[in-house]
Amino acid sequence: MKTNTKETVDGVKRVLEGKKVNLRVMEKDDVDFATECFNNLDFRGEYDPIPQQKSKSERLRDFDNPSSLIILCERGRFIVEKKDGTRIGFIAHYLVQPSRWMEIGYEIIPKERGKGYGTEAVQLMVDYLFLSKNIGRIQAITDTRNKASQRVLEKTGFSKEGTIRKSGYVKGAWSNAYLYSILREEWKKPKTLTKTALTKPTKRTLT
């Protein structure tokens, strides 16, 4: 099954299509949305470190000139969109070297959490990665207190492997995290991603 998210046909973008959300590769015109989200402490939530504050111009520069580390780890960042084109979050993957397994991370804007969008976005990404890349494992890390994120991973077939002690420094205190993973033989076949879709540009809203 061919699932090339970067392909365009006559200016129309190919996306990964689910029932509730679509995933598409982040574009330059999404930098405004990214700046608004990542500079907002409420977006990152109580379990993530305070994010580095960056201006739009700084993020545009990073977008145009990715670091050698980002290139080496083959990072891909996708926008999570509702079916009407409203942008509601991000999901990303990167290659863990030298073992060559994938790690994913995901964030949904606060008012759209608890509606199943994050779960479907993760399932779409897992299907996409196992269909398109020669990898045997996908992993994710979540704060031990973040029950919602843990439910997302467990619903999409991830297993908890253990605790990473003092994995992050969050608002003045060290925090622990759980390591989750799913293996190719546990995944077996696509659960959500059954096709890609050609979509025409839609009017987007920030929230």
Protein backbone atom coordinates (compact mmCIF):
# COMPACT_ATOMS: atom_id res chain seq x y z
CA MET A 1 0.00 0.00 0.00
CA LYS A 2 1.51 3.31 -1.06
CA THR A 3 1.16 6.11 1.47
CA ASN A 4 3.29 9.07 0.45
CA THR A 5 2.18 12.05 2.53
CA LYS A 6 4.46 14.48 0.71
CA GLU A 7 3.04 13.85 -2.75
CA THR A 8 0.96 16.55 -4.39
CA VAL A 9 -1.08 16.35 -7.56
CA ASP A 10 -1.81 19.70 -9.27
CA GLY A 11 -1.28 21.48 -5.96
CA VAL A 12 -3.62 19.16 -4.07
CA LYS A 13 -2.08 17.53 -1.01
CA ARG A 14 -2.20 13.88 -0.10
CA VAL A 15 -3.12 13.23 3.51
CA LEU A 16 -3.48 10.24 5.82
CA GLU A 17 -7.22 9.91 6.25
CA GLY A 18 -9.09 8.66 9.30
CA LYS A 19 -12.73 8.72 10.35
CA LYS A 20 -12.40 11.72 12.69
CA VAL A 21 -9.10 13.32 11.71
CA ASN A 22 -6.59 13.57 8.90
CA LEU A 23 -2.82 13.86 9.19
CA ARG A 24 -0.80 15.92 6.75
CA VAL A 25 2.82 16.95 6.63
CA MET A 26 3.42 20.29 8.34
CA GLU A 27 3.91 23.11 5.83
CA LYS A 28 5.42 26.57 6.07
CA ASP A 29 2.00 28.19 6.39
CA ASP A 30 1.47 26.19 9.60
CA VAL A 31 4.27 28.06 11.41
CA ASP A 32 1.81 30.64 12.77
CA PHE A 33 -0.25 27.85 14.32
CA ALA A 34 2.87 26.18 15.72
CA THR A 35 4.12 29.43 17.24
CA GLU A 36 0.77 30.09 18.90
CA CYS A 37 0.61 26.56 20.32
CA PHE A 38 4.20 25.97 21.42
CA ASN A 39 4.50 29.37 23.12
CA ASN A 40 1.35 28.67 25.12
CA LEU A 41 1.97 27.01 28.50
CA ASP A 42 -1.59 25.66 28.61
CA PHE A 43 -1.03 23.82 25.33
CA ARG A 44 1.96 21.90 26.68
CA GLY A 45 0.08 21.04 29.87
CA GLU A 46 1.17 20.34 33.41
CA TYR A 47 3.38 17.33 32.61
CA ASP A 48 5.70 18.81 29.99
CA PRO A 49 8.70 21.09 30.59
CA ILE A 50 8.17 24.79 29.93
CA PRO A 51 8.84 25.09 26.19
CA GLN A 52 11.51 27.31 24.72
CA GLN A 53 9.82 30.50 23.60
CA LYS A 54 10.47 31.27 19.93
CA SER A 55 9.22 33.98 17.62
CA LYS A 56 7.57 33.26 14.30
CA SER A 57 10.72 34.38 12.46
CA GLU A 58 12.84 31.95 14.50
CA ARG A 59 10.48 29.09 13.73
CA LEU A 60 10.46 29.99 10.04
CA ARG A 61 14.25 29.92 10.05
CA ASP A 62 14.23 26.50 11.73
CA PHE A 63 11.67 25.26 9.20
CA ASP A 64 13.79 26.37 6.24
CA ASN A 65 17.11 25.23 7.75
CA PRO A 66 16.59 22.06 9.81
CA SER A 67 19.49 20.99 11.99
CA SER A 68 21.72 18.07 11.04
CA LEU A 69 20.24 16.13 13.98
CA ILE A 70 16.70 16.51 12.63
CA ILE A 71 17.87 15.33 9.22
CA LEU A 72 19.76 12.38 10.72
CA CYS A 73 16.81 11.18 12.78
CA GLU A 74 14.43 11.56 9.81
CA ARG A 75 11.96 13.58 11.85
CA GLY A 76 8.55 14.03 10.33
CA ARG A 77 5.99 16.43 11.82
CA PHE A 78 2.33 16.23 10.87
CA ILE A 79 -0.63 18.50 11.51
CA VAL A 80 -3.70 16.83 13.04
CA GLU A 81 -6.81 18.21 11.35
CA LYS A 82 -10.51 17.64 11.88
CA LYS A 83 -12.43 16.63 8.79
CA ASP A 84 -13.40 20.25 8.13
CA GLY A 85 -9.72 21.27 7.98
CA THR A 86 -9.52 22.80 11.47
CA ARG A 87 -6.04 22.33 12.89
CA ILE A 88 -6.16 20.80 16.36
CA GLY A 89 -2.68 19.49 17.07
CA PHE A 90 0.56 17.83 16.02
CA ILE A 91 2.03 14.37 15.80
CA ALA A 92 5.68 13.66 14.98
CA HIS A 93 8.00 10.72 14.48
CA TYR A 94 11.76 10.37 14.53
CA LEU A 95 14.27 7.59 14.12
CA VAL A 96 16.19 6.41 17.17
CA GLN A 97 19.79 5.71 16.15
CA PRO A 98 21.60 3.34 15.86
CA SER A 99 18.83 0.84 16.66
CA ARG A 100 16.56 2.20 13.89
CA TRP A 101 13.26 2.13 15.66
CA MET A 102 10.75 4.96 15.62
CA GLU A 103 9.58 7.16 18.47
CA ILE A 104 6.43 9.25 18.27
CA GLY A 105 5.07 12.26 20.15
CA TYR A 106 1.68 13.92 19.93
CA GLU A 107 -0.20 16.96 21.26
CA ILE A 108 -3.81 18.09 20.88
CA ILE A 109 -5.05 21.57 21.78
CA PRO A 110 -6.74 21.59 25.21
CA LYS A 111 -10.35 22.15 24.16
CA GLU A 112 -10.25 19.21 21.70
CA ARG A 113 -8.86 16.65 24.14
CA GLY A 114 -10.93 13.72 25.35
CA LYS A 115 -12.81 13.36 22.04
CA GLY A 116 -10.84 10.49 20.51
CA TYR A 117 -8.82 12.66 18.12
CA GLY A 118 -5.47 11.85 19.73
CA THR A 119 -6.19 8.12 19.73
CA GLU A 120 -7.04 8.09 16.04
CA ALA A 121 -4.02 10.26 15.19
CA VAL A 122 -1.69 7.82 16.96
CA GLN A 123 -3.30 4.83 15.22
CA LEU A 124 -2.96 6.51 11.83
CA MET A 125 0.71 7.22 12.52
CA VAL A 126 1.40 3.65 13.67
CA ASP A 127 -0.26 2.26 10.54
CA TYR A 128 1.64 4.68 8.32
CA LEU A 129 5.04 3.94 9.85
CA PHE A 130 4.69 0.15 9.72
CA LEU A 131 3.35 0.31 6.16
CA SER A 132 6.00 2.68 4.82
CA LYS A 133 9.20 1.99 6.79
CA ASN A 134 11.28 -1.12 7.42
CA ILE A 135 11.11 -0.92 11.22
CA GLY A 136 10.24 -3.47 13.86
CA ARG A 137 9.29 -1.21 16.75
CA ILE A 138 7.58 2.10 17.55
CA GLN A 139 7.88 3.60 21.02
CA ALA A 140 6.48 6.54 22.99
CA ILE A 141 7.30 8.11 26.35
CA THR A 142 4.74 9.68 28.65
CA ASP A 143 4.82 11.17 32.14
CA THR A 144 3.73 8.67 34.79
CA ARG A 145 1.01 11.11 35.90
CA ASN A 146 -0.42 11.58 32.41
CA LYS A 147 -3.26 9.06 32.51
CA ALA A 148 -4.92 10.41 29.36
CA SER A 149 -1.80 9.86 27.25
CA GLN A 150 -1.37 6.39 28.70
CA ARG A 151 -4.95 5.50 27.70
CA VAL A 152 -4.25 6.68 24.15
CA LEU A 153 -1.23 4.38 23.87
CA GLU A 154 -2.96 1.39 25.43
CA LYS A 155 -6.01 1.79 23.16
CA THR A 156 -3.72 1.74 20.11
CA GLY A 157 -1.93 -1.47 21.11
CA PHE A 158 1.15 -0.19 22.93
CA SER A 159 2.49 -2.10 25.94
CA LYS A 160 4.09 -0.50 28.97
CA GLU A 161 7.72 -1.65 29.24
CA GLY A 162 8.91 0.14 32.35
CA THR A 163 9.67 3.39 34.14
CA ILE A 164 12.32 5.91 33.13
CA ARG A 165 13.33 7.61 36.34
CA LYS A 166 14.03 11.35 36.40
CA SER A 167 13.36 11.56 32.70
CA GLY A 168 12.35 15.21 32.70
CA TYR A 169 12.65 18.43 34.67
CA VAL A 170 9.17 19.90 34.85
CA LYS A 171 8.48 23.23 36.55
CA GLY A 172 11.23 22.91 39.13
CA ALA A 173 11.00 19.19 39.89
CA TRP A 174 12.23 15.95 38.36
CA SER A 175 9.57 13.68 36.87
CA ASN A 176 9.38 10.03 35.87
CA ALA A 177 8.02 8.60 32.63
CA TYR A 178 6.68 5.32 31.31
CA LEU A 179 8.15 3.76 28.18
CA TYR A 180 5.58 2.21 25.84
CA SER A 181 6.13 0.29 22.62
CA ILE A 182 4.40 -1.70 19.92
CA LEU A 183 6.16 -4.29 17.72
CA ARG A 184 5.37 -5.02 14.10
CA GLU A 185 4.20 -8.55 14.93
CA GLU A 186 1.80 -7.14 17.53
CA TRP A 187 0.40 -4.62 15.03
CA LYS A 188 -0.06 -7.19 12.21
CA LYS A 189 -2.15 -5.01 9.85
CA PRO A 190 -3.61 -1.49 9.47
CA LYS A 191 -6.31 -0.65 11.99
CA THR A 192 -7.34 2.80 10.73
CA LEU A 193 -5.29 3.79 7.69
CA THR A 194 -6.96 2.07 4.78
CA LYS A 195 -6.29 4.75 2.18
CA THR A 196 -4.73 8.10 1.51
CA ALA A 197 -6.85 10.91 0.20
CA LEU A 198 -6.31 13.78 -2.21
CA THR A 199 -7.75 16.88 -0.59
CA LYS A 200 -8.24 20.37 -1.88
CA PRO A 201 -7.09 23.23 0.36
CA THR A 202 -9.73 24.22 2.89
CA LYS A 203 -10.14 27.35 4.95
CA ARG A 204 -8.31 26.65 8.20
CA THR A 205 -9.01 27.98 11.66
CA LEU A 206 -6.54 28.15 14.51
CA THR A 207 -8.79 26.58 17.16
